[in-house]
Amino acid sequence: MKQHNINTYSNSTIRRYNLKDAAKYLGLEPSYLYQLNSKNSITYYRPNNGKVYYLESDLDNWLNRNLIQSTEEVSMMYSQHNKQVRLI
């Protein structure tokens, strides 16, 4: 997978991917990723109407969307909320 470094800030490298490599990173077909672009369902960049590229951090954010919490996590949040309500 080709990674292109575009900037470095405080010892961390920002990585960008072309469409093919971004699709591979996400485990998708390039044609499906292109559909997501067309629907503006994923963040991408096209400087000066040139080639499309994706930042790794944006791809990670897309992968981590729609969190489904475990039953235990929901119970803990419910308990904490009830404790706060009782204090008021």
Protein backbone atom coordinates (compact mmCIF):
# COMPACT_ATOMS: atom_id res chain seq x y z
CA MET A 1 0.00 0.00 0.00
CA LYS A 2 1.53 3.30 -1.08
CA GLN A 3 1.65 5.97 1.61
CA HIS A 4 2.59 9.55 0.82
CA ASN A 5 3.84 11.81 3.59
CA ILE A 6 2.51 15.33 3.14
CA ASN A 7 3.34 17.03 6.44
CA THR A 8 4.95 16.26 9.75
CA TYR A 9 3.76 17.88 12.99
CA SER A 10 5.20 17.15 16.42
CA ASN A 11 6.80 13.82 15.48
CA SER A 12 3.66 12.42 13.83
CA THR A 13 3.32 11.86 10.12
CA ILE A 14 0.14 12.66 8.22
CA ARG A 15 -0.47 10.00 5.59
CA ARG A 16 -2.53 10.31 2.45
CA TYR A 17 -3.79 7.61 0.10
CA ASN A 18 -4.98 7.52 -3.48
CA LEU A 19 -8.39 5.99 -4.27
CA LYS A 20 -7.08 2.47 -4.85
CA ASP A 21 -4.97 2.39 -1.69
CA ALA A 22 -7.70 4.03 0.41
CA ALA A 23 -10.18 1.38 -0.75
CA LYS A 24 -7.70 -1.34 0.23
CA TYR A 25 -7.13 0.31 3.63
CA LEU A 26 -10.91 0.35 4.22
CA GLY A 27 -11.45 -3.16 2.85
CA LEU A 28 -13.70 -1.87 0.05
CA GLU A 29 -13.78 -2.12 -3.71
CA PRO A 30 -12.50 1.06 -5.39
CA SER A 31 -15.81 1.39 -7.25
CA TYR A 32 -17.72 1.46 -3.94
CA LEU A 33 -15.37 4.09 -2.51
CA TYR A 34 -15.95 6.14 -5.65
CA GLN A 35 -19.71 5.88 -5.00
CA LEU A 36 -19.16 7.16 -1.45
CA ASN A 37 -17.28 10.11 -2.96
CA SER A 38 -20.14 10.83 -5.36
CA LYS A 39 -22.61 10.88 -2.45
CA ASN A 40 -20.24 12.95 -0.27
CA SER A 41 -20.46 10.16 2.31
CA ILE A 42 -16.74 10.15 3.03
CA THR A 43 -14.21 12.95 3.40
CA TYR A 44 -11.80 13.32 0.52
CA TYR A 45 -9.61 15.99 -1.04
CA ARG A 46 -9.23 17.10 -4.64
CA PRO A 47 -6.76 19.98 -4.78
CA ASN A 48 -7.17 22.16 -7.86
CA ASN A 49 -9.63 19.62 -9.29
CA GLY A 50 -6.78 17.14 -9.58
CA LYS A 51 -6.51 13.59 -8.32
CA VAL A 52 -8.54 12.53 -5.29
CA TYR A 53 -6.72 11.64 -2.09
CA TYR A 54 -7.71 10.69 1.46
CA LEU A 55 -6.08 11.35 4.81
CA GLU A 56 -5.58 8.29 6.98
CA SER A 57 -7.20 10.08 9.94
CA ASP A 58 -10.35 10.73 7.87
CA LEU A 59 -10.46 7.07 6.81
CA ASP A 60 -10.14 6.01 10.44
CA ASN A 61 -12.96 8.38 11.43
CA TRP A 62 -15.16 6.90 8.71
CA LEU A 63 -14.39 3.37 9.94
CA ASN A 64 -15.23 4.34 13.53
CA ARG A 65 -18.59 5.98 12.81
CA ASN A 66 -21.87 4.61 14.16
CA LEU A 67 -20.61 3.26 17.46
CA ILE A 68 -22.71 0.44 18.86
CA GLN A 69 -22.19 0.29 22.61
CA SER A 70 -22.25 -2.94 24.56
CA THR A 71 -25.08 -3.63 26.97
CA GLU A 72 -22.64 -3.17 29.85
CA GLU A 73 -21.60 0.29 28.60
CA VAL A 74 -25.24 1.38 28.24
CA SER A 75 -26.03 0.11 31.75
CA MET A 76 -23.10 2.04 33.20
CA MET A 77 -24.19 5.24 31.44
CA TYR A 78 -27.76 4.74 32.66
CA SER A 79 -26.54 4.21 36.25
CA GLN A 80 -24.36 7.33 36.12
CA HIS A 81 -27.21 9.38 34.71
CA ASN A 82 -29.58 8.19 37.46
CA LYS A 83 -27.03 9.13 40.13
CA GLN A 84 -26.74 12.62 38.69
CA VAL A 85 -30.53 13.05 38.49
CA ARG A 86 -30.92 12.03 42.15
CA LEU A 87 -28.40 14.70 43.17
CA ILE A 88 -30.45 17.46 41.58
